[in-house]
C-alpha atoms as a PDB file:
ATOM      1  CA  MET A   1     -72.741 152.913 -54.097  1.00  0.00           C
ATOM      2  CA  LEU A   2     -68.960 152.623 -53.558  1.00  0.00           C
ATOM      3  CA  SER A   3     -67.235 153.095 -50.281  1.00  0.00           C
ATOM      4  CA  GLY A   4     -64.740 155.863 -49.463  1.00  0.00           C
ATOM      5  CA  ALA A   5     -61.263 154.671 -50.523  1.00  0.00           C
ATOM      6  CA  HIS A   6     -62.359 153.076 -53.773  1.00  0.00           C
ATOM      7  CA  ARG A   7     -64.491 155.933 -54.972  1.00  0.00           C
ATOM      8  CA  GLN A   8     -63.551 157.552 -58.255  1.00  0.00           C
ATOM      9  CA  PRO A   9     -64.786 160.941 -59.263  1.00  0.00           C
ATOM     10  CA  GLY A  10     -67.818 160.697 -61.486  1.00  0.00           C
ATOM     11  CA  ILE A  11     -68.226 156.912 -61.284  1.00  0.00           C
ATOM     12  CA  GLU A  12     -71.774 157.152 -59.713  1.00  0.00           C
ATOM     13  CA  ALA A  13     -72.943 159.294 -62.644  1.00  0.00           C
ATOM     14  CA  SER A  14     -71.582 156.917 -65.233  1.00  0.00           C
ATOM     15  CA  LEU A  15     -72.957 153.670 -63.804  1.00  0.00           C
ATOM     16  CA  PRO A  16     -76.633 154.157 -64.760  1.00  0.00           C
ATOM     17  CA  LEU A  17     -75.564 155.173 -68.302  1.00  0.00           C
ATOM     18  CA  ALA A  18     -73.336 152.084 -68.590  1.00  0.00           C
ATOM     19  CA  LEU A  19     -76.275 149.869 -67.556  1.00  0.00           C
ATOM     20  CA  CYS A  20     -78.457 151.444 -70.313  1.00  0.00           C
ATOM     21  CA  GLY A  21     -75.771 150.761 -72.921  1.00  0.00           C
ATOM     22  CA  ALA A  22     -74.881 154.486 -73.261  1.00  0.00           C
ATOM     23  CA  PRO A  23     -71.281 155.721 -73.491  1.00  0.00           C
ATOM     24  CA  SER A  24     -69.691 155.981 -70.046  1.00  0.00           C
ATOM     25  CA  SER A  25     -66.650 158.246 -70.742  1.00  0.00           C
ATOM     26  CA  SER A  26     -66.990 161.771 -69.416  1.00  0.00           C
ATOM     27  CA  SER A  27     -66.220 163.374 -72.734  1.00  0.00           C
ATOM     28  CA  GLN A  28     -68.916 161.519 -74.610  1.00  0.00           C
ATOM     29  CA  ARG A  29     -71.369 162.118 -71.710  1.00  0.00           C
ATOM     30  CA  GLU A  30     -70.680 165.805 -71.700  1.00  0.00           C
ATOM     31  CA  ALA A  31     -71.060 166.040 -75.555  1.00  0.00           C
ATOM     32  CA  SER A  32     -74.511 164.416 -75.473  1.00  0.00           C
ATOM     33  CA  GLU A  33     -77.509 166.114 -74.237  1.00  0.00           C
ATOM     34  CA  PRO A  34     -78.885 165.162 -70.776  1.00  0.00           C
ATOM     35  CA  ARG A  35     -81.092 162.082 -70.767  1.00  0.00           C
ATOM     36  CA  GLU A  36     -84.418 162.296 -69.149  1.00  0.00           C
ATOM     37  CA  GLY A  37     -87.080 159.589 -68.928  1.00  0.00           C
ATOM     38  CA  PRO A  38     -90.826 159.802 -68.769  1.00  0.00           C
ATOM     39  CA  ALA A  39     -90.795 160.317 -65.055  1.00  0.00           C
ATOM     40  CA  GLY A  40     -88.154 163.162 -65.300  1.00  0.00           C
ATOM     41  CA  SER A  41     -85.443 161.135 -63.706  1.00  0.00           C
ATOM     42  CA  ALA A  42     -81.974 161.825 -64.876  1.00  0.00           C
ATOM     43  CA  HIS A  43     -80.062 158.964 -66.534  1.00  0.00           C
ATOM     44  CA  SER A  44     -82.818 156.768 -67.708  1.00  0.00           C
ATOM     45  CA  CYS A  45     -82.594 154.653 -70.845  1.00  0.00           C
ATOM     46  CA  ALA A  46     -84.574 157.183 -72.993  1.00  0.00           C
ATOM     47  CA  ARG A  47     -82.991 158.414 -76.259  1.00  0.00           C
ATOM     48  CA  PRO A  48     -81.442 161.910 -76.272  1.00  0.00           C
ATOM     49  CA  ARG A  49     -83.300 164.658 -78.084  1.00  0.00           C
ATOM     50  CA  ARG A  50     -81.826 165.603 -81.469  1.00  0.00           C
ATOM     51  CA  ARG A  51     -81.962 168.941 -83.062  1.00  0.00           C
ATOM     52  CA  MET A  52     -83.683 169.244 -86.471  1.00  0.00           C
ATOM     53  CA  ALA A  53     -81.356 169.643 -89.436  1.00  0.00           C
ATOM     54  CA  GLY A  54     -81.353 173.075 -91.009  1.00  0.00           C
ATOM     55  CA  THR A  55     -81.786 175.045 -87.759  1.00  0.00           C
ATOM     56  CA  VAL A  56     -79.832 178.103 -86.742  1.00  0.00           C
ATOM     57  CA  PHE A  57     -79.843 178.834 -82.934  1.00  0.00           C
ATOM     58  CA  GLY A  58     -82.558 176.146 -82.542  1.00  0.00           C
ATOM     59  CA  VAL A  59     -85.013 177.830 -84.920  1.00  0.00           C
ATOM     60  CA  GLY A  60     -85.931 176.826 -88.406  1.00  0.00           C
ATOM     61  CA  PRO A  61     -86.091 178.784 -91.663  1.00  0.00           C
ATOM     62  CA  GLY A  62     -89.753 179.716 -91.070  1.00  0.00           C
ATOM     63  CA  VAL A  63     -88.867 182.087 -88.277  1.00  0.00           C
ATOM     64  CA  PHE A  64     -86.381 183.824 -90.503  1.00  0.00           C
ATOM     65  CA  ILE A  65     -88.975 184.122 -93.294  1.00  0.00           C
ATOM     66  CA  LEU A  66     -91.430 185.665 -90.941  1.00  0.00           C
ATOM     67  CA  ALA A  67     -88.847 188.059 -89.655  1.00  0.00           C
ATOM     68  CA  LEU A  68     -87.987 189.098 -93.150  1.00  0.00           C
ATOM     69  CA  ILE A  69     -91.639 189.616 -94.043  1.00  0.00           C
ATOM     70  CA  TRP A  70     -92.227 191.852 -91.085  1.00  0.00           C
ATOM     71  CA  VAL A  71     -88.958 193.818 -91.565  1.00  0.00           C
ATOM     72  CA  LEU A  72     -90.002 194.465 -95.115  1.00  0.00           C
ATOM     73  CA  THR A  73     -93.478 195.345 -93.983  1.00  0.00           C
ATOM     74  CA  LEU A  74     -92.127 197.908 -91.486  1.00  0.00           C
ATOM     75  CA  LEU A  75     -89.764 199.366 -94.105  1.00  0.00           C
ATOM     76  CA  LEU A  76     -92.625 199.761 -96.672  1.00  0.00           C
ATOM     77  CA  CYS A  77     -94.907 201.196 -94.033  1.00  0.00           C
ATOM     78  CA  VAL A  78     -92.289 203.837 -93.111  1.00  0.00           C
ATOM     79  CA  LEU A  79     -91.653 204.687 -96.735  1.00  0.00           C
ATOM     80  CA  LEU A  80     -95.353 204.832 -97.725  1.00  0.00           C
ATOM     81  CA  SER A  81     -96.285 206.921 -94.683  1.00  0.00           C
ATOM     82  CA  ARG A  82     -94.128 209.733 -96.112  1.00  0.00           C
ATOM     83  CA  ALA A  83     -95.913 209.648 -99.427  1.00  0.00           C
ATOM     84  CA  SER A  84     -98.752 211.932-100.391  1.00  0.00           C
ATOM     85  CA  GLY A  85    -102.167 211.212-101.871  1.00  0.00           C
ATOM     86  CA  LEU A  86    -103.599 207.794-102.420  1.00  0.00           C
ATOM     87  CA  ALA A  87    -100.201 206.047-101.995  1.00  0.00           C
ATOM     88  CA  ARG A  88    -100.304 206.921 -98.275  1.00  0.00           C
ATOM     89  CA  TYR A  89    -103.208 204.559 -97.773  1.00  0.00           C
ATOM     90  CA  LEU A  90    -101.290 201.609 -99.216  1.00  0.00           C
ATOM     91  CA  VAL A  91     -99.832 201.213 -95.725  1.00  0.00           C
ATOM     92  CA  ILE A  92    -103.089 199.528 -94.676  1.00  0.00           C
ATOM     93  CA  LEU A  93    -102.914 197.110 -97.608  1.00  0.00           C
ATOM     94  CA  VAL A  94     -99.217 196.275 -96.948  1.00  0.00           C
ATOM     95  CA  PHE A  95     -99.907 195.643 -93.211  1.00  0.00           C
ATOM     96  CA  PHE A  96    -102.980 193.376 -93.870  1.00  0.00           C
ATOM     97  CA  SER A  97    -101.231 191.429 -96.595  1.00  0.00           C
ATOM     98  CA  ALA A  98     -98.286 190.742 -94.119  1.00  0.00           C
ATOM     99  CA  VAL A  99    -100.851 189.616 -91.465  1.00  0.00           C
ATOM    100  CA  ILE A 100    -102.470 187.296 -94.007  1.00  0.00           C
ATOM    101  CA  VAL A 101     -99.155 185.768 -95.126  1.00  0.00           C
ATOM    102  CA  THR A 102     -98.108 185.353 -91.534  1.00  0.00           C
ATOM    103  CA  LEU A 103    -101.320 183.572 -90.637  1.00  0.00           C
ATOM    104  CA  VAL A 104    -101.026 181.275 -93.624  1.00  0.00           C
ATOM    105  CA  LEU A 105     -97.480 180.414 -92.724  1.00  0.00           C
ATOM    106  CA  LEU A 106     -98.381 179.742 -89.076  1.00  0.00           C
ATOM    107  CA  LEU A 107    -101.671 177.862 -89.673  1.00  0.00           C
ATOM    108  CA  PHE A 108    -100.509 175.634 -92.562  1.00  0.00           C
ATOM    109  CA  PRO A 109     -97.051 174.378 -91.745  1.00  0.00           C
ATOM    110  CA  ARG A 110     -95.205 172.419 -94.375  1.00  0.00           C
ATOM    111  CA  ALA A 111     -93.490 169.845 -92.179  1.00  0.00           C
ATOM    112  CA  SER A 112     -94.834 167.748 -89.290  1.00  0.00           C
ATOM    113  CA  GLU A 113     -94.188 168.764 -85.714  1.00  0.00           C
ATOM    114  CA  PHE A 114     -92.104 165.701 -85.001  1.00  0.00           C
ATOM    115  CA  PRO A 115     -89.511 164.905 -87.649  1.00  0.00           C
ATOM    116  CA  VAL A 116     -88.919 161.342 -88.836  1.00  0.00           C
ATOM    117  CA  PRO A 117     -85.814 159.945 -87.131  1.00  0.00           C
ATOM    118  CA  ALA A 118     -82.860 159.871 -89.492  1.00  0.00           C
ATOM    119  CA  THR A 119     -81.335 156.595 -90.425  1.00  0.00           C
ATOM    120  CA  GLU A 120     -77.575 156.314 -90.473  1.00  0.00           C
ATOM    121  CA  MET A 121     -76.211 156.797 -93.957  1.00  0.00           C
ATOM    122  CA  LYS A 122     -73.041 155.140 -95.254  1.00  0.00           C
ATOM    123  CA  ILE A 123     -71.134 157.496 -97.529  1.00  0.00           C
ATOM    124  CA  VAL A 124     -69.560 155.827-100.474  1.00  0.00           C
ATOM    125  CA  ASP A 125     -67.124 157.719-102.711  1.00  0.00           C
ATOM    126  CA  THR A 126     -67.923 156.559-106.197  1.00  0.00           C
ATOM    127  CA  PHE A 127     -65.703 159.097-107.924  1.00  0.00           C
ATOM    128  CA  PHE A 128     -62.560 157.983-106.022  1.00  0.00           C
ATOM    129  CA  ILE A 129     -60.470 156.886-109.066  1.00  0.00           C
ATOM    130  CA  GLY A 130     -61.652 159.768-111.225  1.00  0.00           C
ATOM    131  CA  ARG A 131     -60.724 162.232-108.596  1.00  0.00           C
ATOM    132  CA  TYR A 132     -57.189 160.951-108.454  1.00  0.00           C
ATOM    133  CA  VAL A 133     -56.866 160.872-112.225  1.00  0.00           C
ATOM    134  CA  LEU A 134     -58.055 164.526-112.326  1.00  0.00           C
ATOM    135  CA  LEU A 135     -55.620 165.466-109.587  1.00  0.00           C
ATOM    136  CA  SER A 136     -52.702 163.815-111.468  1.00  0.00           C
ATOM    137  CA  LEU A 137     -53.559 165.577-114.716  1.00  0.00           C
ATOM    138  CA  LEU A 138     -53.798 168.915-112.933  1.00  0.00           C
ATOM    139  CA  SER A 139     -50.519 168.243-111.168  1.00  0.00           C
ATOM    140  CA  VAL A 140     -48.713 167.459-114.463  1.00  0.00           C
ATOM    141  CA  THR A 141     -50.321 170.550-116.084  1.00  0.00           C
ATOM    142  CA  PHE A 142     -49.188 172.716-113.142  1.00  0.00           C
ATOM    143  CA  LEU A 143     -45.623 171.317-113.264  1.00  0.00           C
ATOM    144  CA  GLY A 144     -45.439 171.769-117.039  1.00  0.00           C
ATOM    145  CA  SER A 145     -46.634 175.350-116.834  1.00  0.00           C
ATOM    146  CA  LEU A 146     -44.292 176.134-113.994  1.00  0.00           C
ATOM    147  CA  PHE A 147     -41.324 174.767-116.127  1.00  0.00           C
ATOM    148  CA  LEU A 148     -42.445 176.981-119.049  1.00  0.00           C
ATOM    149  CA  VAL A 149     -42.692 180.046-116.866  1.00  0.00           C
ATOM    150  CA  LEU A 150     -39.215 179.224-115.486  1.00  0.00           C
ATOM    151  CA  VAL A 151     -37.708 178.872-118.983  1.00  0.00           C
ATOM    152  CA  HIS A 152     -39.415 181.766-120.735  1.00  0.00           C
ATOM    153  CA  TYR A 153     -39.643 184.458-118.019  1.00  0.00           C
ATOM    154  CA  ILE A 154     -37.250 183.819-115.140  1.00  0.00           C
ATOM    155  CA  LEU A 155     -34.343 182.317-117.074  1.00  0.00           C
ATOM    156  CA  GLU A 156     -34.751 184.489-120.100  1.00  0.00           C
ATOM    157  CA  PRO A 157     -31.372 184.845-121.835  1.00  0.00           C
ATOM    158  CA  VAL A 158     -29.778 188.314-121.846  1.00  0.00           C
ATOM    159  CA  TYR A 159     -27.709 188.853-124.892  1.00  0.00           C
ATOM    160  CA  ALA A 160     -24.733 191.174-125.052  1.00  0.00           C
ATOM    161  CA  LYS A 161     -24.999 194.204-127.333  1.00  0.00           C
ATOM    162  CA  PRO A 162     -22.671 194.078-130.332  1.00  0.00           C
ATOM    163  CA  LEU A 163     -19.770 196.317-130.283  1.00  0.00           C
ATOM    164  CA  ARG A 164     -19.682 199.023-132.924  1.00  0.00           C
ATOM    165  CA  VAL A 165     -17.243 198.386-135.686  1.00  0.00           C
ATOM    166  CA  ASN A 166     -16.142 201.593-137.419  1.00  0.00           C
END
C-alpha cells in the first residue's frame, strides 16, 4: 500500500476500517471485537458481535440455574443414600425429577436464540432539581447537627467546684 519511508505502524490495518466508516484509532480498534464478513475476511464492513446483556463469562442465567439444580440433586442423592428404609429409594425420584426439569429448561427456552438489537437510549435525569434540594437539606441538617455536637459535647463547660466555707 504505502512505500518504505512513508509507512506508519498499523496504517495498513486501519485503512479498510476507515473505508467502512469504523473507528480508525488503535485504542478503539483494540477495544472492539474483530470484524469478520460473510467470507471470513478480516476487516469487512460487517457489524461486530455484541454480547447479550445479563451474561457472566459469556453464559446466561440458565446455565447457572441448571448447575444449581444438579448440585442440589447431587447433594440430595448423597444425603438420601445414607437414609434407611423407603427414604433411600427417593434418590431415584430426585434424579428423574432433575432430569425432567433439565429437559424442560433445555427444550422450551424462554428467549429467542438471536436477541433483538438494542436501540440507543438517551438517559434523562428528571429528578435533577429534587436531588439538589434533597442534597442541600441534608447538608444543612448535617451542619446543624455538627454544630450541636460541638456545643453540647465537645465544648461542654467545666465549672469550678465551690470552695468550702466554714
